[in-house]
Amino acid sequence: MTINKPRHELYAFWRDFQNLSGFMENVEKVQPTGPDRAVWTIKAPAGQTVEVETEVVQDRPDELVAWRSVEGSDIDTEGRVTFRDAGARGTIVEAIIAYKPPGGTLGKLVAKLFQREPNIQGRQELKRFKMLMETGEIAIAKHKTETENE
């Protein structure tokens, strides 16, 4: 995703993991537990949540931040976000996230049904990140109710 902002600004915003709940639909909150650790509360199907404690495993300011879950988390996951110059167009942001869902294959199928599969969510979240960083807000389409349609 190309975002029309300098990479140091995008990196700084992302690196403060508490900001992620502002544009990541499934992230309820991220609570730091140390300089390079945090507990993420993530929405799951049927109104459930899971908690994942992560640690930063690689950090190159303005270029890359990578994390992985620590033992005892509800989900085994890891991810990385890179920030590269795109010239006058701003910054290219790439996110790669891998996980093992709870419940194995069944958990993944249920997650897809509820649109909680990271491949689906990841694209949407990068679009929301772009909107937030470029405009300061995230546009949401309002659906008309039956009363408004009459």
N, C-alpha and C. Protein backbone atom coordinates (compact mmCIF):
# COMPACT_ATOMS: atom_id res chain seq x y z
N MET A 1 0.86 -1.17 0.00
CA MET A 1 0.00 0.00 0.00
C MET A 1 0.91 1.24 0.00
N THR A 2 0.67 2.14 -0.91
CA THR A 2 1.42 3.39 -0.95
C THR A 2 0.62 4.46 -0.20
N ILE A 3 1.28 5.10 0.75
CA ILE A 3 0.63 6.11 1.59
C ILE A 3 1.40 7.42 1.44
N ASN A 4 0.69 8.49 1.20
CA ASN A 4 1.30 9.78 0.93
C ASN A 4 1.70 10.48 2.23
N LYS A 5 2.64 9.88 2.93
CA LYS A 5 3.23 10.43 4.16
C LYS A 5 4.67 9.93 4.24
N PRO A 6 5.54 10.67 4.93
CA PRO A 6 6.92 10.21 5.08
C PRO A 6 7.00 8.94 5.93
N ARG A 7 7.96 8.09 5.60
CA ARG A 7 8.04 6.81 6.30
C ARG A 7 8.31 6.96 7.78
N HIS A 8 9.06 7.97 8.22
CA HIS A 8 9.32 8.10 9.67
C HIS A 8 8.02 8.36 10.43
N GLU A 9 7.08 9.09 9.81
CA GLU A 9 5.79 9.36 10.46
C GLU A 9 4.94 8.09 10.54
N LEU A 10 4.91 7.32 9.45
CA LEU A 10 4.14 6.08 9.43
C LEU A 10 4.72 5.05 10.39
N TYR A 11 6.04 4.92 10.37
CA TYR A 11 6.71 3.98 11.28
C TYR A 11 6.41 4.34 12.74
N ALA A 12 6.56 5.60 13.10
CA ALA A 12 6.35 6.04 14.49
C ALA A 12 4.92 5.75 14.94
N PHE A 13 3.95 5.98 14.07
CA PHE A 13 2.55 5.72 14.42
C PHE A 13 2.34 4.23 14.64
N TRP A 14 2.84 3.41 13.71
CA TRP A 14 2.65 1.95 13.81
C TRP A 14 3.40 1.39 15.00
N ARG A 15 4.60 1.89 15.24
CA ARG A 15 5.46 1.32 16.30
C ARG A 15 4.85 1.50 17.69
N ASP A 16 3.99 2.50 17.86
CA ASP A 16 3.22 2.64 19.09
C ASP A 16 1.99 1.74 18.93
N PHE A 17 2.14 0.47 19.30
CA PHE A 17 1.11 -0.53 19.03
C PHE A 17 -0.26 -0.14 19.59
N GLN A 18 -0.32 0.73 20.57
CA GLN A 18 -1.62 1.17 21.10
C GLN A 18 -2.44 1.87 20.01
N ASN A 19 -1.79 2.43 19.00
CA ASN A 19 -2.50 3.09 17.89
C ASN A 19 -3.23 2.11 16.98
N LEU A 20 -2.84 0.85 17.00
CA LEU A 20 -3.37 -0.10 16.03
C LEU A 20 -4.86 -0.31 16.16
N SER A 21 -5.39 -0.22 17.37
CA SER A 21 -6.84 -0.42 17.54
C SER A 21 -7.64 0.70 16.88
N GLY A 22 -7.00 1.80 16.52
CA GLY A 22 -7.68 2.90 15.84
C GLY A 22 -8.02 2.61 14.39
N PHE A 23 -7.36 1.63 13.78
CA PHE A 23 -7.68 1.30 12.38
C PHE A 23 -7.79 -0.19 12.13
N MET A 24 -7.36 -1.02 13.07
CA MET A 24 -7.50 -2.47 12.90
C MET A 24 -8.82 -2.89 13.52
N GLU A 25 -9.73 -3.31 12.67
CA GLU A 25 -11.08 -3.61 13.10
C GLU A 25 -11.17 -4.68 14.19
N ASN A 26 -10.30 -5.67 14.14
CA ASN A 26 -10.38 -6.78 15.09
C ASN A 26 -9.58 -6.56 16.36
N VAL A 27 -8.79 -5.51 16.41
CA VAL A 27 -7.97 -5.26 17.60
C VAL A 27 -8.74 -4.34 18.53
N GLU A 28 -9.13 -4.86 19.69
CA GLU A 28 -9.85 -4.04 20.66
C GLU A 28 -8.90 -3.10 21.38
N LYS A 29 -7.74 -3.63 21.79
CA LYS A 29 -6.75 -2.80 22.46
C LYS A 29 -5.41 -3.51 22.47
N VAL A 30 -4.36 -2.70 22.64
CA VAL A 30 -3.01 -3.23 22.80
C VAL A 30 -2.44 -2.55 24.03
N GLN A 31 -2.09 -3.35 25.01
CA GLN A 31 -1.58 -2.83 26.28
C GLN A 31 -0.11 -3.18 26.42
N PRO A 32 0.78 -2.17 26.44
CA PRO A 32 2.20 -2.46 26.64
C PRO A 32 2.44 -3.12 28.00
N THR A 33 3.35 -4.11 28.01
CA THR A 33 3.74 -4.76 29.26
C THR A 33 5.22 -4.60 29.52
N GLY A 34 5.90 -3.90 28.65
CA GLY A 34 7.34 -3.64 28.76
C GLY A 34 7.77 -2.89 27.53
N PRO A 35 9.06 -2.54 27.42
CA PRO A 35 9.52 -1.74 26.28
C PRO A 35 9.29 -2.42 24.92
N ASP A 36 9.39 -3.72 24.86
CA ASP A 36 9.21 -4.43 23.59
C ASP A 36 8.15 -5.52 23.67
N ARG A 37 7.26 -5.44 24.67
CA ARG A 37 6.19 -6.43 24.83
C ARG A 37 4.85 -5.76 24.98
N ALA A 38 3.80 -6.46 24.52
CA ALA A 38 2.45 -5.93 24.65
C ALA A 38 1.46 -7.09 24.61
N VAL A 39 0.29 -6.88 25.22
CA VAL A 39 -0.81 -7.83 25.14
C VAL A 39 -1.87 -7.23 24.23
N TRP A 40 -2.21 -7.96 23.18
CA TRP A 40 -3.22 -7.55 22.21
C TRP A 40 -4.52 -8.28 22.55
N THR A 41 -5.62 -7.56 22.65
CA THR A 41 -6.94 -8.16 22.81
C THR A 41 -7.60 -8.09 21.44
N ILE A 42 -7.91 -9.28 20.88
CA ILE A 42 -8.39 -9.40 19.50
C ILE A 42 -9.78 -10.01 19.49
N LYS A 43 -10.67 -9.40 18.70
CA LYS A 43 -12.02 -9.94 18.55
C LYS A 43 -11.98 -11.26 17.81
N ALA A 44 -12.85 -12.17 18.24
CA ALA A 44 -13.00 -13.47 17.60
C ALA A 44 -14.48 -13.67 17.29
N PRO A 45 -14.82 -14.70 16.51
CA PRO A 45 -16.22 -14.94 16.19
C PRO A 45 -17.08 -15.14 17.44
N ALA A 46 -18.38 -14.91 17.27
CA ALA A 46 -19.39 -15.14 18.31
C ALA A 46 -19.17 -14.28 19.56
N GLY A 47 -18.64 -13.06 19.37
CA GLY A 47 -18.48 -12.15 20.49
C GLY A 47 -17.34 -12.49 21.44
N GLN A 48 -16.52 -13.42 21.08
CA GLN A 48 -15.39 -13.83 21.91
C GLN A 48 -14.19 -12.93 21.65
N THR A 49 -13.20 -12.98 22.54
CA THR A 49 -11.91 -12.33 22.31
C THR A 49 -10.80 -13.30 22.65
N VAL A 50 -9.65 -13.05 22.09
CA VAL A 50 -8.44 -13.80 22.44
C VAL A 50 -7.37 -12.80 22.80
N GLU A 51 -6.44 -13.22 23.64
CA GLU A 51 -5.32 -12.36 24.00
C GLU A 51 -4.03 -12.96 23.49
N VAL A 52 -3.21 -12.09 22.95
CA VAL A 52 -1.92 -12.51 22.41
C VAL A 52 -0.87 -11.58 23.00
N GLU A 53 0.10 -12.16 23.68
CA GLU A 53 1.23 -11.35 24.14
C GLU A 53 2.33 -11.47 23.10
N THR A 54 2.85 -10.32 22.68
CA THR A 54 3.88 -10.31 21.65
C THR A 54 5.14 -9.64 22.17
N GLU A 55 6.22 -9.96 21.48
CA GLU A 55 7.48 -9.27 21.73
C GLU A 55 8.04 -8.81 20.40
N VAL A 56 8.64 -7.62 20.39
CA VAL A 56 9.29 -7.12 19.19
C VAL A 56 10.60 -7.89 19.03
N VAL A 57 10.78 -8.48 17.85
CA VAL A 57 11.97 -9.28 17.60
C VAL A 57 12.94 -8.60 16.64
N GLN A 58 12.46 -7.58 15.95
CA GLN A 58 13.32 -6.81 15.06
C GLN A 58 12.75 -5.41 14.95
N ASP A 59 13.62 -4.42 15.06
CA ASP A 59 13.16 -3.04 15.01
C ASP A 59 14.25 -2.19 14.37
N ARG A 60 13.97 -1.72 13.16
CA ARG A 60 14.87 -0.79 12.47
C ARG A 60 14.07 0.48 12.25
N PRO A 61 14.32 1.52 13.06
CA PRO A 61 13.53 2.74 12.95
C PRO A 61 13.37 3.22 11.52
N ASP A 62 12.12 3.57 11.19
CA ASP A 62 11.72 4.10 9.89
C ASP A 62 11.79 3.07 8.77
N GLU A 63 12.09 1.80 9.08
CA GLU A 63 12.20 0.77 8.05
C GLU A 63 11.37 -0.47 8.32
N LEU A 64 11.41 -0.98 9.56
CA LEU A 64 10.83 -2.29 9.84
C LEU A 64 10.53 -2.45 11.32
N VAL A 65 9.41 -3.10 11.60
CA VAL A 65 9.14 -3.59 12.95
C VAL A 65 8.54 -4.99 12.79
N ALA A 66 9.08 -5.95 13.56
CA ALA A 66 8.62 -7.34 13.49
C ALA A 66 8.36 -7.83 14.91
N TRP A 67 7.34 -8.67 15.05
CA TRP A 67 6.96 -9.19 16.36
C TRP A 67 6.55 -10.64 16.24
N ARG A 68 6.47 -11.31 17.38
CA ARG A 68 5.94 -12.67 17.44
C ARG A 68 5.30 -12.88 18.80
N SER A 69 4.36 -13.82 18.84
CA SER A 69 3.70 -14.11 20.10
C SER A 69 4.66 -14.86 21.02
N VAL A 70 4.44 -14.70 22.31
CA VAL A 70 5.25 -15.40 23.30
C VAL A 70 4.47 -16.62 23.77
N GLU A 71 5.17 -17.55 24.36
CA GLU A 71 4.55 -18.77 24.84
C GLU A 71 3.41 -18.45 25.81
N GLY A 72 2.31 -19.18 25.66
CA GLY A 72 1.16 -18.97 26.53
C GLY A 72 0.07 -18.11 25.92
N SER A 73 0.32 -17.52 24.74
CA SER A 73 -0.70 -16.72 24.05
C SER A 73 -1.77 -17.64 23.48
N ASP A 74 -2.99 -17.08 23.30
CA ASP A 74 -4.09 -17.86 22.74
C ASP A 74 -3.86 -18.22 21.28
N ILE A 75 -3.09 -17.41 20.56
CA ILE A 75 -2.80 -17.64 19.14
C ILE A 75 -1.29 -17.57 18.94
N ASP A 76 -0.77 -18.48 18.14
CA ASP A 76 0.64 -18.45 17.75
C ASP A 76 0.73 -17.59 16.50
N THR A 77 1.38 -16.43 16.60
CA THR A 77 1.40 -15.49 15.48
C THR A 77 2.73 -14.76 15.39
N GLU A 78 2.99 -14.23 14.22
CA GLU A 78 4.13 -13.35 14.01
C GLU A 78 3.81 -12.41 12.86
N GLY A 79 4.46 -11.27 12.85
CA GLY A 79 4.20 -10.32 11.79
C GLY A 79 5.35 -9.35 11.62
N ARG A 80 5.31 -8.66 10.50
CA ARG A 80 6.31 -7.63 10.22
C ARG A 80 5.70 -6.59 9.30
N VAL A 81 6.10 -5.36 9.50
CA VAL A 81 5.67 -4.27 8.65
C VAL A 81 6.92 -3.54 8.19
N THR A 82 7.01 -3.32 6.88
CA THR A 82 8.16 -2.60 6.34
C THR A 82 7.69 -1.27 5.74
N PHE A 83 8.60 -0.32 5.75
CA PHE A 83 8.33 1.04 5.25
C PHE A 83 9.46 1.39 4.29
N ARG A 84 9.10 1.65 3.00
CA ARG A 84 10.10 1.98 1.98
C ARG A 84 9.67 3.26 1.27
N ASP A 85 10.65 4.07 0.92
CA ASP A 85 10.36 5.30 0.19
C ASP A 85 9.71 5.00 -1.15
N ALA A 86 8.73 5.83 -1.51
CA ALA A 86 8.06 5.73 -2.81
C ALA A 86 8.23 7.05 -3.56
N GLY A 87 9.35 7.74 -3.31
CA GLY A 87 9.60 9.01 -3.98
C GLY A 87 8.57 10.06 -3.60
N ALA A 88 8.11 10.81 -4.57
CA ALA A 88 7.15 11.88 -4.33
C ALA A 88 5.78 11.35 -3.90
N ARG A 89 5.55 10.05 -4.08
CA ARG A 89 4.24 9.46 -3.72
C ARG A 89 4.15 9.12 -2.24
N GLY A 90 5.25 9.19 -1.49
CA GLY A 90 5.20 8.90 -0.06
C GLY A 90 5.97 7.65 0.31
N THR A 91 5.27 6.68 0.91
CA THR A 91 5.91 5.49 1.48
C THR A 91 5.13 4.24 1.09
N ILE A 92 5.86 3.19 0.75
CA ILE A 92 5.25 1.89 0.52
C ILE A 92 5.26 1.15 1.84
N VAL A 93 4.08 0.74 2.29
CA VAL A 93 3.94 -0.01 3.55
C VAL A 93 3.51 -1.42 3.19
N GLU A 94 4.25 -2.40 3.69
CA GLU A 94 3.91 -3.80 3.44
C GLU A 94 3.80 -4.51 4.79
N ALA A 95 2.70 -5.21 4.99
CA ALA A 95 2.47 -5.97 6.22
C ALA A 95 2.36 -7.45 5.88
N ILE A 96 3.07 -8.27 6.64
CA ILE A 96 3.00 -9.72 6.49
C ILE A 96 2.70 -10.27 7.88
N ILE A 97 1.58 -11.00 7.98
CA ILE A 97 1.17 -11.55 9.26
C ILE A 97 0.84 -13.02 9.06
N ALA A 98 1.39 -13.87 9.94
CA ALA A 98 1.12 -15.30 9.89
C ALA A 98 0.57 -15.72 11.25
N TYR A 99 -0.32 -16.72 11.23
CA TYR A 99 -0.88 -17.18 12.50
C TYR A 99 -1.39 -18.60 12.38
N LYS A 100 -1.51 -19.24 13.54
CA LYS A 100 -2.18 -20.53 13.63
C LYS A 100 -3.45 -20.27 14.43
N PRO A 101 -4.62 -20.40 13.80
CA PRO A 101 -5.86 -20.09 14.50
C PRO A 101 -6.18 -21.12 15.57
N PRO A 102 -6.92 -20.69 16.59
CA PRO A 102 -7.38 -21.66 17.58
C PRO A 102 -8.32 -22.64 16.90
N GLY A 103 -8.24 -23.89 17.26
CA GLY A 103 -9.14 -24.87 16.66
C GLY A 103 -8.68 -25.39 15.32
N GLY A 104 -7.43 -25.12 14.92
CA GLY A 104 -6.89 -25.66 13.68
C GLY A 104 -7.69 -25.25 12.46
N THR A 105 -7.91 -26.19 11.55
CA THR A 105 -8.60 -25.90 10.29
C THR A 105 -10.02 -25.41 10.54
N LEU A 106 -10.71 -26.00 11.49
CA LEU A 106 -12.06 -25.57 11.80
C LEU A 106 -12.07 -24.11 12.25
N GLY A 107 -11.13 -23.73 13.09
CA GLY A 107 -11.02 -22.35 13.54
C GLY A 107 -10.82 -21.39 12.38
N LYS A 108 -10.03 -21.79 11.40
CA LYS A 108 -9.79 -20.94 10.23
C LYS A 108 -11.05 -20.79 9.38
N LEU A 109 -11.80 -21.89 9.21
CA LEU A 109 -13.03 -21.81 8.44
C LEU A 109 -14.06 -20.91 9.12
N VAL A 110 -14.20 -21.05 10.42
CA VAL A 110 -15.12 -20.20 11.17
C VAL A 110 -14.68 -18.74 11.06
N ALA A 111 -13.37 -18.50 11.18
CA ALA A 111 -12.85 -17.14 11.06
C ALA A 111 -13.20 -16.53 9.70
N LYS A 112 -13.09 -17.31 8.63
CA LYS A 112 -13.44 -16.81 7.30
C LYS A 112 -14.92 -16.46 7.22
N LEU A 113 -15.76 -17.30 7.79
CA LEU A 113 -17.19 -17.04 7.76
C LEU A 113 -17.53 -15.71 8.43
N PHE A 114 -16.79 -15.38 9.47
CA PHE A 114 -17.04 -14.14 10.20
C PHE A 114 -16.12 -13.01 9.75
N GLN A 115 -15.47 -13.18 8.58
CA GLN A 115 -14.57 -12.17 8.02
C GLN A 115 -13.44 -11.81 8.97
N ARG A 116 -12.96 -12.77 9.72
CA ARG A 116 -11.87 -12.51 10.66
C ARG A 116 -10.56 -13.13 10.17
N GLU A 117 -10.54 -13.64 8.94
CA GLU A 117 -9.34 -14.22 8.35
C GLU A 117 -8.35 -13.10 8.03
N PRO A 118 -7.11 -13.18 8.51
CA PRO A 118 -6.15 -12.10 8.30
C PRO A 118 -5.91 -11.70 6.85
N ASN A 119 -6.00 -12.64 5.88
CA ASN A 119 -5.80 -12.25 4.48
C ASN A 119 -6.87 -11.26 4.04
N ILE A 120 -8.09 -11.45 4.51
CA ILE A 120 -9.18 -10.54 4.18
C ILE A 120 -9.01 -9.24 4.96
N GLN A 121 -8.84 -9.38 6.27
CA GLN A 121 -8.73 -8.21 7.14
C GLN A 121 -7.49 -7.38 6.83
N GLY A 122 -6.38 -8.01 6.49
CA GLY A 122 -5.13 -7.30 6.27
C GLY A 122 -5.24 -6.24 5.19
N ARG A 123 -5.85 -6.57 4.08
CA ARG A 123 -6.03 -5.59 2.99
C ARG A 123 -6.90 -4.43 3.46
N GLN A 124 -7.98 -4.75 4.16
CA GLN A 124 -8.88 -3.70 4.64
C GLN A 124 -8.18 -2.81 5.67
N GLU A 125 -7.39 -3.41 6.53
CA GLU A 125 -6.72 -2.62 7.56
C GLU A 125 -5.67 -1.69 6.97
N LEU A 126 -4.95 -2.14 5.96
CA LEU A 126 -3.99 -1.24 5.31
C LEU A 126 -4.71 -0.08 4.62
N LYS A 127 -5.89 -0.35 4.05
CA LYS A 127 -6.67 0.73 3.45
C LYS A 127 -7.12 1.72 4.51
N ARG A 128 -7.56 1.22 5.68
CA ARG A 128 -7.97 2.12 6.77
C ARG A 128 -6.78 2.89 7.32
N PHE A 129 -5.61 2.24 7.40
CA PHE A 129 -4.39 2.93 7.85
C PHE A 129 -4.06 4.07 6.90
N LYS A 130 -4.16 3.81 5.60
CA LYS A 130 -3.91 4.85 4.59
C LYS A 130 -4.86 6.02 4.77
N MET A 131 -6.17 5.72 4.91
CA MET A 131 -7.15 6.80 5.10
C MET A 131 -6.84 7.61 6.35
N LEU A 132 -6.56 6.93 7.44
CA LEU A 132 -6.30 7.60 8.71
C LEU A 132 -5.06 8.50 8.61
N MET A 133 -4.01 7.99 8.01
CA MET A 133 -2.77 8.76 7.94
C MET A 133 -2.85 9.92 6.95
N GLU A 134 -3.57 9.72 5.84
CA GLU A 134 -3.65 10.77 4.82
C GLU A 134 -4.71 11.82 5.12
N THR A 135 -5.81 11.42 5.77
CA THR A 135 -6.91 12.36 5.98
C THR A 135 -7.22 12.64 7.44
N GLY A 136 -6.68 11.81 8.34
CA GLY A 136 -6.97 11.99 9.77
C GLY A 136 -8.23 11.29 10.23
N GLU A 137 -8.91 10.59 9.31
CA GLU A 137 -10.12 9.87 9.69
C GLU A 137 -10.30 8.67 8.77
N ILE A 138 -11.21 7.79 9.18
CA ILE A 138 -11.52 6.61 8.38
C ILE A 138 -12.95 6.74 7.90
N ALA A 139 -13.13 6.76 6.59
CA ALA A 139 -14.48 6.87 6.01
C ALA A 139 -15.22 5.55 6.21
N ILE A 140 -16.47 5.67 6.63
CA ILE A 140 -17.31 4.49 6.84
C ILE A 140 -18.58 4.68 6.03
N ALA A 141 -18.91 3.67 5.23
CA ALA A 141 -20.15 3.73 4.44
C ALA A 141 -21.33 3.48 5.37
N LYS A 142 -22.33 4.36 5.31
CA LYS A 142 -23.52 4.20 6.12
C LYS A 142 -24.57 3.48 5.28
N HIS A 143 -25.08 2.37 5.83
CA HIS A 143 -26.12 1.62 5.14
C HIS A 143 -27.48 2.16 5.55
N LYS A 144 -28.37 2.34 4.58
CA LYS A 144 -29.71 2.83 4.88
C LYS A 144 -30.53 1.73 5.56
N THR A 145 -31.30 2.13 6.54
CA THR A 145 -32.21 1.19 7.18
C THR A 145 -33.48 1.10 6.34
N GLU A 146 -34.34 0.14 6.64
CA GLU A 146 -35.58 -0.01 5.88
C GLU A 146 -36.41 1.26 5.96
N THR A 147 -36.44 1.91 7.12
CA THR A 147 -37.20 3.15 7.30
C THR A 147 -36.68 4.24 6.40
N GLU A 148 -35.34 4.37 6.28
CA GLU A 148 -34.75 5.41 5.42
C GLU A 148 -35.01 5.12 3.94
N ASN A 149 -35.14 3.85 3.57
CA ASN A 149 -35.38 3.48 2.18
C ASN A 149 -36.82 3.73 1.74
N GLU A 150 -37.75 3.86 2.68
CA GLU A 150 -39.18 4.02 2.33
C GLU A 150 -39.49 5.42 1.90
